[in-house]
Amino acid sequence: MSKSLRTLAIGFAVIGSVTPALAGNFNLGRDATADEIAAWDIDVRPDGAGLPQGKGTVEQGEEIFAEQCAACHGDFGEGVDRWPVLAGGQDTLKSDRPVKTIGSYWPFASTVFDYINRAMPFGNAQSLEPDQVYAIMAYLLFMNDLVESDFELSKENFTSIKLPNEANFIDDPRPDTPVLAKGQEPCMENCKKGEVKITGRAAVLDVTPEEAEEAGKGAVD
């Protein structure tokens, strides 16, 4: 047997002896406890699955919103500076400057609850109790003219809330695009034929900060 073949045979022998150890327990970490899993598993789905017990009124939500949310989102969800606008925007999605709010764009009530519960208030996420989240959401629904001022939101009536733009969200069929359905590889380089045309600008889409624009103008002048 040549030297190279002997080396290859020894290599396979070493791999064979190591493989069972790689498949075993590394003695790293530990199994998550039931409480740890419950703390992580907090998502809420459109059918209401995952909702905690609780309730809250529009009136209660207005007070909590003023304390916890208004500094960024404004007293009525109008947005402060460049923080997100939460109310209004109806019939603007086809305009040059669409206003994407809970009442004009968001698809499901569960999206609102899940986001507030998971990520708000900014800098102090997951500090709100379930009743507070229900109350804040009730107030947001009221600001978007979706409920009356005496409305109380709870786990029991949650799925009855339908946001106006829900029907305009559809399941994404990808990767069943025409190219992939035909078994073709999508073009990844030099794909555009003909002249490239600009179809939108950041200023029109309202994503360019005003301060940057002014600074840029000053530099040009």
N, C-alpha and C. Protein backbone atom coordinates (compact mmCIF):
# COMPACT_ATOMS: atom_id res chain seq x y z
N MET A 1 0.86 -1.21 0.00
CA MET A 1 0.00 0.00 0.00
C MET A 1 0.89 1.24 0.00
N SER A 2 0.55 2.18 -0.85
CA SER A 2 1.34 3.40 -0.93
C SER A 2 1.13 4.26 0.31
N LYS A 3 2.05 5.21 0.50
CA LYS A 3 1.97 6.11 1.66
C LYS A 3 0.67 6.90 1.65
N SER A 4 0.25 7.40 0.46
CA SER A 4 -0.97 8.22 0.37
C SER A 4 -2.20 7.40 0.71
N LEU A 5 -2.22 6.11 0.28
CA LEU A 5 -3.37 5.28 0.58
C LEU A 5 -3.44 4.94 2.06
N ARG A 6 -2.25 4.68 2.68
CA ARG A 6 -2.22 4.41 4.12
C ARG A 6 -2.72 5.61 4.91
N THR A 7 -2.33 6.82 4.46
CA THR A 7 -2.77 8.05 5.13
C THR A 7 -4.28 8.21 5.03
N LEU A 8 -4.84 7.91 3.84
CA LEU A 8 -6.28 8.02 3.63
C LEU A 8 -7.03 7.04 4.51
N ALA A 9 -6.48 5.78 4.61
CA ALA A 9 -7.13 4.77 5.44
C ALA A 9 -7.15 5.17 6.90
N ILE A 10 -6.02 5.72 7.37
CA ILE A 10 -5.95 6.18 8.75
C ILE A 10 -6.95 7.30 9.00
N GLY A 11 -7.09 8.21 8.00
CA GLY A 11 -8.03 9.32 8.13
C GLY A 11 -9.46 8.84 8.29
N PHE A 12 -9.88 7.86 7.49
CA PHE A 12 -11.23 7.31 7.61
C PHE A 12 -11.43 6.63 8.96
N ALA A 13 -10.38 5.98 9.46
CA ALA A 13 -10.48 5.31 10.76
C ALA A 13 -10.70 6.32 11.87
N VAL A 14 -9.99 7.45 11.78
CA VAL A 14 -10.14 8.50 12.80
C VAL A 14 -11.53 9.10 12.76
N ILE A 15 -12.03 9.38 11.52
CA ILE A 15 -13.38 9.95 11.39
C ILE A 15 -14.41 9.00 11.95
N GLY A 16 -14.24 7.71 11.65
CA GLY A 16 -15.20 6.72 12.13
C GLY A 16 -15.23 6.64 13.63
N SER A 17 -14.08 6.84 14.27
CA SER A 17 -14.03 6.77 15.73
C SER A 17 -14.57 8.02 16.39
N VAL A 18 -14.57 9.16 15.67
CA VAL A 18 -15.03 10.43 16.25
C VAL A 18 -16.52 10.64 16.05
N THR A 19 -17.08 10.11 14.97
CA THR A 19 -18.48 10.38 14.62
C THR A 19 -19.46 10.09 15.73
N PRO A 20 -19.38 8.92 16.44
CA PRO A 20 -20.34 8.66 17.51
C PRO A 20 -20.31 9.73 18.59
N ALA A 21 -19.11 10.25 18.89
CA ALA A 21 -19.01 11.29 19.92
C ALA A 21 -19.69 12.57 19.47
N LEU A 22 -19.57 12.91 18.16
CA LEU A 22 -20.20 14.12 17.66
C LEU A 22 -21.72 14.03 17.73
N ALA A 23 -22.25 12.81 17.63
CA ALA A 23 -23.70 12.64 17.64
C ALA A 23 -24.27 12.60 19.05
N GLY A 24 -23.40 12.59 20.05
CA GLY A 24 -23.86 12.47 21.41
C GLY A 24 -24.13 13.81 22.08
N ASN A 25 -24.21 13.81 23.42
CA ASN A 25 -24.47 15.00 24.21
C ASN A 25 -23.17 15.75 24.46
N PHE A 26 -23.18 17.05 24.17
CA PHE A 26 -21.98 17.86 24.37
C PHE A 26 -21.86 18.38 25.79
N ASN A 27 -22.86 18.11 26.62
CA ASN A 27 -22.86 18.61 28.00
C ASN A 27 -22.76 20.13 28.05
N LEU A 28 -23.44 20.78 27.10
CA LEU A 28 -23.50 22.24 27.06
C LEU A 28 -24.92 22.69 27.36
N GLY A 29 -25.08 23.66 28.24
CA GLY A 29 -26.39 24.21 28.54
C GLY A 29 -27.29 23.22 29.26
N ARG A 30 -28.59 23.47 29.17
CA ARG A 30 -29.59 22.61 29.82
C ARG A 30 -30.91 22.77 29.10
N ASP A 31 -31.84 21.91 29.38
CA ASP A 31 -33.17 22.02 28.79
C ASP A 31 -33.89 23.24 29.36
N ALA A 32 -34.62 23.94 28.49
CA ALA A 32 -35.40 25.10 28.94
C ALA A 32 -36.53 24.64 29.85
N THR A 33 -36.80 25.44 30.88
CA THR A 33 -37.90 25.12 31.79
C THR A 33 -39.23 25.54 31.16
N ALA A 34 -40.32 25.05 31.71
CA ALA A 34 -41.65 25.40 31.20
C ALA A 34 -41.90 26.90 31.30
N ASP A 35 -41.43 27.53 32.39
CA ASP A 35 -41.61 28.97 32.57
C ASP A 35 -40.81 29.75 31.53
N GLU A 36 -39.60 29.29 31.21
CA GLU A 36 -38.78 29.96 30.21
C GLU A 36 -39.40 29.86 28.82
N ILE A 37 -39.95 28.72 28.50
CA ILE A 37 -40.61 28.55 27.21
C ILE A 37 -41.85 29.43 27.13
N ALA A 38 -42.62 29.49 28.22
CA ALA A 38 -43.82 30.31 28.24
C ALA A 38 -43.49 31.79 28.08
N ALA A 39 -42.38 32.24 28.65
CA ALA A 39 -41.98 33.64 28.55
C ALA A 39 -41.59 34.00 27.12
N TRP A 40 -41.09 33.04 26.38
CA TRP A 40 -40.67 33.27 24.99
C TRP A 40 -41.83 33.10 24.01
N ASP A 41 -42.74 32.19 24.32
CA ASP A 41 -43.82 31.84 23.40
C ASP A 41 -45.02 32.77 23.63
N ILE A 42 -44.90 34.02 23.14
CA ILE A 42 -45.93 35.02 23.42
C ILE A 42 -46.60 35.53 22.15
N ASP A 43 -46.36 34.90 21.01
CA ASP A 43 -46.94 35.39 19.76
C ASP A 43 -48.46 35.23 19.77
N VAL A 44 -49.13 36.14 19.09
CA VAL A 44 -50.59 36.12 18.96
C VAL A 44 -50.94 36.04 17.48
N ARG A 45 -51.83 35.12 17.13
CA ARG A 45 -52.17 34.88 15.73
C ARG A 45 -53.55 35.46 15.40
N PRO A 46 -53.85 35.62 14.10
CA PRO A 46 -55.12 36.22 13.70
C PRO A 46 -56.36 35.51 14.24
N ASP A 47 -56.27 34.20 14.49
CA ASP A 47 -57.42 33.48 15.02
C ASP A 47 -57.55 33.61 16.53
N GLY A 48 -56.69 34.42 17.15
CA GLY A 48 -56.76 34.64 18.59
C GLY A 48 -55.88 33.72 19.40
N ALA A 49 -55.27 32.73 18.76
CA ALA A 49 -54.40 31.81 19.49
C ALA A 49 -53.23 32.58 20.09
N GLY A 50 -52.97 32.32 21.36
CA GLY A 50 -51.88 32.99 22.05
C GLY A 50 -52.30 34.19 22.87
N LEU A 51 -53.55 34.61 22.73
CA LEU A 51 -54.01 35.77 23.51
C LEU A 51 -54.07 35.44 25.00
N PRO A 52 -53.59 36.32 25.85
CA PRO A 52 -53.73 36.11 27.30
C PRO A 52 -55.11 36.56 27.76
N GLN A 53 -55.50 36.12 28.93
CA GLN A 53 -56.73 36.61 29.54
C GLN A 53 -56.55 38.08 29.89
N GLY A 54 -57.60 38.87 29.70
CA GLY A 54 -57.51 40.28 30.03
C GLY A 54 -58.58 41.09 29.33
N LYS A 55 -58.65 42.38 29.67
CA LYS A 55 -59.60 43.28 29.06
C LYS A 55 -59.18 44.71 29.35
N GLY A 56 -59.69 45.63 28.53
CA GLY A 56 -59.37 47.03 28.73
C GLY A 56 -60.29 47.91 27.91
N THR A 57 -60.64 49.06 28.43
CA THR A 57 -61.56 49.97 27.76
C THR A 57 -60.81 51.08 27.03
N VAL A 58 -61.54 51.77 26.17
CA VAL A 58 -60.98 52.92 25.46
C VAL A 58 -60.53 53.98 26.45
N GLU A 59 -61.34 54.24 27.46
CA GLU A 59 -61.01 55.26 28.45
C GLU A 59 -59.74 54.91 29.20
N GLN A 60 -59.61 53.66 29.61
CA GLN A 60 -58.40 53.23 30.30
C GLN A 60 -57.19 53.33 29.37
N GLY A 61 -57.39 52.96 28.12
CA GLY A 61 -56.31 52.99 27.16
C GLY A 61 -55.81 54.39 26.88
N GLU A 62 -56.71 55.36 26.89
CA GLU A 62 -56.31 56.75 26.65
C GLU A 62 -55.33 57.22 27.72
N GLU A 63 -55.59 56.87 28.96
CA GLU A 63 -54.72 57.27 30.07
C GLU A 63 -53.36 56.58 29.97
N ILE A 64 -53.38 55.28 29.69
CA ILE A 64 -52.11 54.54 29.59
C ILE A 64 -51.31 55.01 28.39
N PHE A 65 -52.01 55.26 27.27
CA PHE A 65 -51.34 55.72 26.06
C PHE A 65 -50.64 57.06 26.31
N ALA A 66 -51.30 57.94 27.03
CA ALA A 66 -50.71 59.25 27.33
C ALA A 66 -49.43 59.10 28.15
N GLU A 67 -49.41 58.12 29.04
CA GLU A 67 -48.24 57.92 29.90
C GLU A 67 -47.12 57.15 29.21
N GLN A 68 -47.48 56.17 28.41
CA GLN A 68 -46.49 55.23 27.90
C GLN A 68 -46.14 55.41 26.42
N CYS A 69 -47.03 56.04 25.64
CA CYS A 69 -46.88 56.01 24.18
C CYS A 69 -46.84 57.39 23.51
N ALA A 70 -47.52 58.36 24.10
CA ALA A 70 -47.72 59.65 23.43
C ALA A 70 -46.43 60.41 23.17
N ALA A 71 -45.40 60.18 23.97
CA ALA A 71 -44.14 60.91 23.77
C ALA A 71 -43.58 60.67 22.37
N CYS A 72 -43.83 59.50 21.83
CA CYS A 72 -43.35 59.18 20.48
C CYS A 72 -44.46 59.27 19.43
N HIS A 73 -45.64 58.78 19.77
CA HIS A 73 -46.71 58.65 18.79
C HIS A 73 -47.73 59.77 18.82
N GLY A 74 -47.59 60.73 19.73
CA GLY A 74 -48.54 61.82 19.83
C GLY A 74 -49.77 61.42 20.61
N ASP A 75 -50.48 62.39 21.15
CA ASP A 75 -51.65 62.11 21.98
C ASP A 75 -52.74 61.38 21.22
N PHE A 76 -52.82 61.60 19.91
CA PHE A 76 -53.88 61.00 19.11
C PHE A 76 -53.35 60.09 18.01
N GLY A 77 -52.12 59.59 18.20
CA GLY A 77 -51.55 58.68 17.22
C GLY A 77 -51.06 59.36 15.96
N GLU A 78 -50.90 60.69 16.01
CA GLU A 78 -50.49 61.44 14.82
C GLU A 78 -48.98 61.35 14.57
N GLY A 79 -48.21 60.83 15.53
CA GLY A 79 -46.77 60.69 15.37
C GLY A 79 -46.04 61.97 15.75
N VAL A 80 -44.91 61.83 16.42
CA VAL A 80 -44.07 62.96 16.80
C VAL A 80 -42.77 62.85 16.03
N ASP A 81 -42.36 63.95 15.39
CA ASP A 81 -41.17 63.94 14.55
C ASP A 81 -41.29 62.83 13.51
N ARG A 82 -40.37 61.86 13.54
CA ARG A 82 -40.44 60.77 12.57
C ARG A 82 -40.86 59.44 13.19
N TRP A 83 -41.45 59.49 14.37
CA TRP A 83 -41.98 58.27 14.96
C TRP A 83 -43.26 57.88 14.23
N PRO A 84 -43.60 56.59 14.19
CA PRO A 84 -44.72 56.12 13.36
C PRO A 84 -46.06 56.75 13.71
N VAL A 85 -46.82 57.06 12.67
CA VAL A 85 -48.21 57.51 12.80
C VAL A 85 -49.08 56.27 12.98
N LEU A 86 -50.00 56.31 13.93
CA LEU A 86 -50.82 55.15 14.24
C LEU A 86 -52.27 55.31 13.85
N ALA A 87 -52.72 56.51 13.58
CA ALA A 87 -54.14 56.75 13.28
C ALA A 87 -54.28 57.58 12.01
N GLY A 88 -55.42 57.42 11.35
CA GLY A 88 -55.69 58.16 10.11
C GLY A 88 -55.15 57.42 8.90
N GLY A 89 -54.94 58.18 7.83
CA GLY A 89 -54.35 57.60 6.62
C GLY A 89 -55.30 56.87 5.71
N GLN A 90 -56.59 56.85 6.03
CA GLN A 90 -57.55 56.15 5.18
C GLN A 90 -57.53 56.73 3.76
N ASP A 91 -57.62 55.85 2.78
CA ASP A 91 -57.67 56.23 1.35
C ASP A 91 -56.40 56.92 0.87
N THR A 92 -55.26 56.63 1.51
CA THR A 92 -54.00 57.25 1.06
C THR A 92 -53.03 56.25 0.44
N LEU A 93 -53.35 54.97 0.46
CA LEU A 93 -52.39 53.95 0.04
C LEU A 93 -52.02 54.04 -1.43
N LYS A 94 -52.89 54.62 -2.26
CA LYS A 94 -52.59 54.75 -3.68
C LYS A 94 -52.00 56.12 -4.02
N SER A 95 -51.79 56.94 -3.01
CA SER A 95 -51.26 58.28 -3.24
C SER A 95 -49.74 58.25 -3.26
N ASP A 96 -49.13 59.40 -3.61
CA ASP A 96 -47.67 59.50 -3.62
C ASP A 96 -47.08 59.43 -2.22
N ARG A 97 -47.89 59.78 -1.23
CA ARG A 97 -47.43 59.77 0.16
C ARG A 97 -48.40 58.95 1.01
N PRO A 98 -48.37 57.63 0.88
CA PRO A 98 -49.29 56.81 1.67
C PRO A 98 -49.00 56.89 3.17
N VAL A 99 -50.05 56.93 3.96
CA VAL A 99 -49.91 56.95 5.42
C VAL A 99 -50.37 55.58 5.92
N LYS A 100 -49.42 54.76 6.33
CA LYS A 100 -49.71 53.38 6.70
C LYS A 100 -49.94 53.26 8.21
N THR A 101 -51.20 53.26 8.58
CA THR A 101 -51.58 53.19 9.99
C THR A 101 -52.39 51.93 10.26
N ILE A 102 -52.79 51.78 11.51
CA ILE A 102 -53.64 50.65 11.90
C ILE A 102 -54.97 50.70 11.16
N GLY A 103 -55.49 51.90 10.96
CA GLY A 103 -56.78 52.03 10.29
C GLY A 103 -56.72 52.01 8.78
N SER A 104 -55.53 52.25 8.21
CA SER A 104 -55.44 52.31 6.75
C SER A 104 -54.70 51.14 6.13
N TYR A 105 -53.79 50.51 6.87
CA TYR A 105 -52.90 49.54 6.23
C TYR A 105 -52.78 48.20 6.96
N TRP A 106 -52.65 48.21 8.27
CA TRP A 106 -52.35 46.97 9.00
C TRP A 106 -53.40 45.90 8.72
N PRO A 107 -53.00 44.61 8.63
CA PRO A 107 -53.94 43.57 8.20
C PRO A 107 -54.81 42.99 9.30
N PHE A 108 -54.24 42.74 10.48
CA PHE A 108 -54.99 42.00 11.51
C PHE A 108 -54.89 42.70 12.87
N ALA A 109 -55.95 42.53 13.67
CA ALA A 109 -55.92 43.05 15.03
C ALA A 109 -54.80 42.37 15.82
N SER A 110 -54.54 41.11 15.53
CA SER A 110 -53.49 40.38 16.25
C SER A 110 -52.12 41.00 16.01
N THR A 111 -51.91 41.61 14.83
CA THR A 111 -50.64 42.27 14.54
C THR A 111 -50.42 43.42 15.52
N VAL A 112 -51.47 44.16 15.80
CA VAL A 112 -51.39 45.30 16.72
C VAL A 112 -51.08 44.81 18.13
N PHE A 113 -51.88 43.85 18.59
CA PHE A 113 -51.69 43.35 19.96
C PHE A 113 -50.30 42.75 20.14
N ASP A 114 -49.88 41.91 19.19
CA ASP A 114 -48.60 41.23 19.31
C ASP A 114 -47.44 42.22 19.37
N TYR A 115 -47.51 43.24 18.53
CA TYR A 115 -46.40 44.21 18.48
C TYR A 115 -46.32 45.02 19.77
N ILE A 116 -47.48 45.49 20.25
CA ILE A 116 -47.48 46.25 21.50
C ILE A 116 -46.96 45.38 22.64
N ASN A 117 -47.48 44.17 22.73
CA ASN A 117 -47.14 43.26 23.81
C ASN A 117 -45.67 42.86 23.77
N ARG A 118 -45.12 42.71 22.58
CA ARG A 118 -43.77 42.20 22.42
C ARG A 118 -42.71 43.31 22.49
N ALA A 119 -43.00 44.48 21.92
CA ALA A 119 -41.93 45.46 21.69
C ALA A 119 -42.15 46.83 22.31
N MET A 120 -43.30 47.10 22.87
CA MET A 120 -43.59 48.44 23.39
C MET A 120 -43.74 48.40 24.91
N PRO A 121 -43.55 49.57 25.58
CA PRO A 121 -43.10 50.85 25.01
C PRO A 121 -41.61 50.81 24.67
N PHE A 122 -41.22 51.65 23.76
CA PHE A 122 -39.84 51.66 23.28
C PHE A 122 -38.88 51.87 24.45
N GLY A 123 -37.91 50.98 24.54
CA GLY A 123 -36.93 51.07 25.62
C GLY A 123 -37.34 50.35 26.88
N ASN A 124 -38.57 49.88 26.95
CA ASN A 124 -39.05 49.16 28.13
C ASN A 124 -40.02 48.06 27.69
N ALA A 125 -39.60 47.31 26.68
CA ALA A 125 -40.47 46.30 26.06
C ALA A 125 -40.91 45.24 27.07
N GLN A 126 -42.14 44.76 26.87
CA GLN A 126 -42.74 43.68 27.66
C GLN A 126 -42.93 44.06 29.13
N SER A 127 -43.07 45.35 29.38
CA SER A 127 -43.32 45.81 30.74
C SER A 127 -44.81 46.01 31.00
N LEU A 128 -45.64 45.91 29.95
CA LEU A 128 -47.08 46.14 30.10
C LEU A 128 -47.80 44.86 30.50
N GLU A 129 -48.77 45.00 31.37
CA GLU A 129 -49.63 43.87 31.75
C GLU A 129 -50.66 43.64 30.64
N PRO A 130 -51.21 42.41 30.53
CA PRO A 130 -52.20 42.13 29.48
C PRO A 130 -53.36 43.11 29.46
N ASP A 131 -53.89 43.48 30.62
CA ASP A 131 -55.00 44.44 30.66
C ASP A 131 -54.59 45.78 30.04
N GLN A 132 -53.36 46.20 30.28
CA GLN A 132 -52.89 47.45 29.71
C GLN A 132 -52.77 47.37 28.19
N VAL A 133 -52.31 46.22 27.69
CA VAL A 133 -52.21 46.06 26.24
C VAL A 133 -53.59 46.08 25.60
N TYR A 134 -54.54 45.39 26.19
CA TYR A 134 -55.92 45.41 25.68
C TYR A 134 -56.46 46.84 25.67
N ALA A 135 -56.20 47.59 26.74
CA ALA A 135 -56.71 48.95 26.84
C ALA A 135 -56.07 49.86 25.79
N ILE A 136 -54.76 49.78 25.62
CA ILE A 136 -54.08 50.61 24.62
C ILE A 136 -54.61 50.29 23.23
N MET A 137 -54.80 49.01 22.96
CA MET A 137 -55.31 48.63 21.65
C MET A 137 -56.74 49.13 21.44
N ALA A 138 -57.56 49.08 22.48
CA ALA A 138 -58.92 49.61 22.39
C ALA A 138 -58.89 51.09 22.03
N TYR A 139 -57.97 51.84 22.64
CA TYR A 139 -57.85 53.26 22.35
C TYR A 139 -57.38 53.49 20.91
N LEU A 140 -56.45 52.68 20.43
CA LEU A 140 -55.98 52.79 19.05
C LEU A 140 -57.10 52.50 18.06
N LEU A 141 -57.91 51.51 18.36
CA LEU A 141 -59.06 51.20 17.50
C LEU A 141 -60.03 52.38 17.47
N PHE A 142 -60.23 53.00 18.63
CA PHE A 142 -61.12 54.16 18.70
C PHE A 142 -60.58 55.34 17.90
N MET A 143 -59.28 55.58 17.99
CA MET A 143 -58.68 56.69 17.26
C MET A 143 -58.76 56.48 15.75
N ASN A 144 -58.91 55.23 15.33
CA ASN A 144 -59.05 54.93 13.91
C ASN A 144 -60.51 54.74 13.51
N ASP A 145 -61.43 55.18 14.38
CA ASP A 145 -62.87 55.15 14.10
C ASP A 145 -63.39 53.74 13.84
N LEU A 146 -62.81 52.76 14.54
CA LEU A 146 -63.23 51.37 14.36
C LEU A 146 -64.12 50.87 15.49
N VAL A 147 -64.14 51.58 16.62
CA VAL A 147 -65.01 51.22 17.74
C VAL A 147 -65.54 52.51 18.36
N GLU A 148 -66.55 52.37 19.22
CA GLU A 148 -67.12 53.51 19.92
C GLU A 148 -66.32 53.81 21.20
N SER A 149 -66.58 54.96 21.78
CA SER A 149 -65.81 55.42 22.94
C SER A 149 -66.04 54.57 24.19
N ASP A 150 -67.16 53.83 24.24
CA ASP A 150 -67.45 53.00 25.41
C ASP A 150 -67.03 51.55 25.20
N PHE A 151 -66.23 51.29 24.19
CA PHE A 151 -65.86 49.92 23.84
C PHE A 151 -64.86 49.34 24.83
N GLU A 152 -65.03 48.06 25.12
CA GLU A 152 -64.08 47.31 25.94
C GLU A 152 -63.58 46.11 25.14
N LEU A 153 -62.28 46.01 24.98
CA LEU A 153 -61.67 44.91 24.24
C LEU A 153 -61.25 43.82 25.22
N SER A 154 -61.50 42.57 24.85
CA SER A 154 -61.13 41.45 25.71
C SER A 154 -60.76 40.25 24.85
N LYS A 155 -60.29 39.22 25.49
CA LYS A 155 -59.96 37.99 24.77
C LYS A 155 -61.21 37.41 24.11
N GLU A 156 -62.34 37.57 24.75
CA GLU A 156 -63.59 36.99 24.27
C GLU A 156 -64.09 37.64 22.98
N ASN A 157 -63.94 38.95 22.83
CA ASN A 157 -64.47 39.62 21.62
C ASN A 157 -63.37 40.02 20.64
N PHE A 158 -62.14 39.61 20.91
CA PHE A 158 -61.00 40.06 20.10
C PHE A 158 -61.15 39.69 18.63
N THR A 159 -61.54 38.47 18.33
CA THR A 159 -61.60 38.02 16.94
C THR A 159 -62.74 38.68 16.15
N SER A 160 -63.60 39.40 16.82
CA SER A 160 -64.67 40.12 16.11
C SER A 160 -64.15 41.41 15.48
N ILE A 161 -62.94 41.83 15.86
CA ILE A 161 -62.36 43.06 15.31
C ILE A 161 -61.72 42.77 13.96
N LYS A 162 -62.18 43.45 12.93
CA LYS A 162 -61.63 43.31 11.58
C LYS A 162 -61.09 44.66 11.13
N LEU A 163 -59.83 44.68 10.77
CA LEU A 163 -59.22 45.93 10.29
C LEU A 163 -59.57 46.15 8.83
N PRO A 164 -59.72 47.41 8.40
CA PRO A 164 -60.24 47.73 7.06
C PRO A 164 -59.44 47.16 5.90
N ASN A 165 -58.13 47.00 6.06
CA ASN A 165 -57.29 46.59 4.92
C ASN A 165 -56.98 45.10 4.90
N GLU A 166 -57.64 44.33 5.73
CA GLU A 166 -57.33 42.90 5.82
C GLU A 166 -57.48 42.18 4.48
N ALA A 167 -58.52 42.50 3.74
CA ALA A 167 -58.79 41.79 2.49
C ALA A 167 -57.73 42.02 1.42
N ASN A 168 -56.95 43.08 1.58
CA ASN A 168 -55.92 43.39 0.57
C ASN A 168 -54.59 42.69 0.84
N PHE A 169 -54.52 41.89 1.88
CA PHE A 169 -53.34 41.07 2.13
C PHE A 169 -53.63 39.66 1.66
N ILE A 170 -52.73 39.11 0.86
CA ILE A 170 -52.92 37.77 0.30
C ILE A 170 -51.71 36.90 0.64
N ASP A 171 -51.91 35.58 0.57
CA ASP A 171 -50.80 34.66 0.80
C ASP A 171 -49.77 34.82 -0.32
N ASP A 172 -48.50 34.84 0.06
CA ASP A 172 -47.41 34.96 -0.90
C ASP A 172 -47.12 33.58 -1.48
N PRO A 173 -47.31 33.40 -2.79
CA PRO A 173 -47.14 32.06 -3.37
C PRO A 173 -45.70 31.68 -3.67
N ARG A 174 -44.75 32.60 -3.46
CA ARG A 174 -43.37 32.26 -3.78
C ARG A 174 -42.92 31.01 -3.04
N PRO A 175 -42.08 30.16 -3.63
CA PRO A 175 -41.29 30.40 -4.85
C PRO A 175 -42.00 30.06 -6.15
N ASP A 176 -43.34 29.98 -6.15
CA ASP A 176 -44.06 29.64 -7.38
C ASP A 176 -44.22 30.84 -8.29
N THR A 177 -43.12 31.55 -8.57
CA THR A 177 -43.12 32.64 -9.53
C THR A 177 -43.04 32.05 -10.94
N PRO A 178 -43.42 32.79 -11.98
CA PRO A 178 -43.39 32.24 -13.34
C PRO A 178 -42.03 31.65 -13.73
N VAL A 179 -40.95 32.32 -13.34
CA VAL A 179 -39.62 31.85 -13.70
C VAL A 179 -39.31 30.52 -13.04
N LEU A 180 -39.53 30.46 -11.72
CA LEU A 180 -39.21 29.24 -11.00
C LEU A 180 -40.16 28.11 -11.34
N ALA A 181 -41.42 28.43 -11.63
CA ALA A 181 -42.39 27.40 -11.99
C ALA A 181 -41.99 26.68 -13.26
N LYS A 182 -41.29 27.38 -14.14
CA LYS A 182 -40.84 26.77 -15.40
C LYS A 182 -39.49 26.07 -15.24
N GLY A 183 -38.98 26.06 -14.02
CA GLY A 183 -37.70 25.41 -13.80
C GLY A 183 -36.52 26.23 -14.23
N GLN A 184 -36.74 27.52 -14.48
CA GLN A 184 -35.64 28.39 -14.91
C GLN A 184 -34.95 29.03 -13.71
N GLU A 185 -33.69 29.35 -13.89
CA GLU A 185 -32.96 30.04 -12.85
C GLU A 185 -33.20 31.55 -12.99
N PRO A 186 -33.53 32.23 -11.90
CA PRO A 186 -33.74 33.68 -12.00
C PRO A 186 -32.47 34.41 -12.36
N CYS A 187 -32.60 35.47 -13.14
CA CYS A 187 -31.44 36.26 -13.54
C CYS A 187 -30.92 37.04 -12.33
N MET A 188 -29.61 37.00 -12.13
CA MET A 188 -29.00 37.67 -10.98
C MET A 188 -27.99 38.74 -11.38
N GLU A 189 -27.75 38.93 -12.69
CA GLU A 189 -26.74 39.89 -13.11
C GLU A 189 -27.08 40.41 -14.51
N ASN A 190 -26.98 41.76 -14.68
CA ASN A 190 -27.23 42.39 -15.99
C ASN A 190 -28.57 41.95 -16.56
N CYS A 191 -29.61 42.02 -15.76
CA CYS A 191 -30.92 41.48 -16.16
C CYS A 191 -31.80 42.51 -16.87
N LYS A 192 -31.63 43.77 -16.57
CA LYS A 192 -32.49 44.80 -17.11
C LYS A 192 -32.19 45.04 -18.59
N LYS A 193 -33.21 44.97 -19.41
CA LYS A 193 -33.03 45.26 -20.83
C LYS A 193 -33.49 46.68 -21.12
N GLY A 194 -32.71 47.37 -21.91
CA GLY A 194 -33.08 48.74 -22.25
C GLY A 194 -32.66 49.73 -21.18
N GLU A 195 -33.15 50.94 -21.32
CA GLU A 195 -32.77 52.04 -20.44
C GLU A 195 -33.43 51.90 -19.07
N VAL A 196 -32.66 52.16 -18.02
CA VAL A 196 -33.19 52.14 -16.66
C VAL A 196 -33.89 53.47 -16.38
N LYS A 197 -35.12 53.42 -15.89
CA LYS A 197 -35.88 54.62 -15.60
C LYS A 197 -36.15 54.72 -14.10
N ILE A 198 -36.06 55.93 -13.57
CA ILE A 198 -36.35 56.16 -12.16
C ILE A 198 -37.86 56.26 -11.99
N THR A 199 -38.41 55.41 -11.14
CA THR A 199 -39.86 55.38 -10.93
C THR A 199 -40.28 56.00 -9.61
N GLY A 200 -39.35 56.27 -8.71
CA GLY A 200 -39.70 56.88 -7.44
C GLY A 200 -38.48 57.48 -6.78
N ARG A 201 -38.69 58.47 -5.97
CA ARG A 201 -37.61 59.13 -5.26
C ARG A 201 -37.89 59.13 -3.76
N ALA A 202 -36.83 59.13 -2.99
CA ALA A 202 -36.98 59.06 -1.54
C ALA A 202 -37.79 60.23 -1.00
N ALA A 203 -37.63 61.41 -1.58
CA ALA A 203 -38.35 62.59 -1.10
C ALA A 203 -39.85 62.41 -1.28
N VAL A 204 -40.25 61.78 -2.38
CA VAL A 204 -41.67 61.56 -2.63
C VAL A 204 -42.23 60.51 -1.69
N LEU A 205 -41.42 59.49 -1.38
CA LEU A 205 -41.84 58.43 -0.48
C LEU A 205 -41.79 58.86 0.98
N ASP A 206 -41.30 60.06 1.24
CA ASP A 206 -41.23 60.62 2.59
C ASP A 206 -40.34 59.78 3.51
N VAL A 207 -39.19 59.36 2.99
CA VAL A 207 -38.25 58.64 3.83
C VAL A 207 -36.93 59.39 3.98
N THR A 208 -36.84 60.57 3.38
CA THR A 208 -35.63 61.38 3.49
C THR A 208 -35.82 62.42 4.59
N PRO A 209 -35.04 62.36 5.69
CA PRO A 209 -35.19 63.34 6.79
C PRO A 209 -35.01 64.76 6.29
N GLU A 210 -35.83 65.66 6.82
CA GLU A 210 -35.79 67.05 6.39
C GLU A 210 -34.43 67.68 6.70
N GLU A 211 -33.84 67.35 7.85
CA GLU A 211 -32.56 67.93 8.23
C GLU A 211 -31.48 67.56 7.23
N ALA A 212 -31.52 66.31 6.78
CA ALA A 212 -30.53 65.87 5.78
C ALA A 212 -30.72 66.59 4.47
N GLU A 213 -31.99 66.81 4.10
CA GLU A 213 -32.28 67.53 2.87
C GLU A 213 -31.73 68.95 2.94
N GLU A 214 -31.97 69.62 4.07
CA GLU A 214 -31.50 71.00 4.23
C GLU A 214 -29.98 71.06 4.23
N ALA A 215 -29.35 70.07 4.90
CA ALA A 215 -27.90 70.04 4.93
C ALA A 215 -27.34 69.83 3.52
N GLY A 216 -28.02 68.97 2.76
CA GLY A 216 -27.59 68.70 1.40
C GLY A 216 -27.72 69.93 0.50
N LYS A 217 -28.81 70.66 0.68
CA LYS A 217 -29.00 71.88 -0.11
C LYS A 217 -27.92 72.90 0.20
N GLY A 218 -27.58 73.00 1.48
CA GLY A 218 -26.57 73.96 1.87
C GLY A 218 -25.22 73.61 1.27
N ALA A 219 -24.94 72.32 1.17
CA ALA A 219 -23.66 71.89 0.61
C ALA A 219 -23.60 72.20 -0.89
N VAL A 220 -24.75 72.02 -1.59
CA VAL A 220 -24.78 72.28 -3.01
C VAL A 220 -24.65 73.77 -3.29
N ASP A 221 -25.37 74.57 -2.47
CA ASP A 221 -25.32 76.02 -2.68
C ASP A 221 -23.91 76.54 -2.42
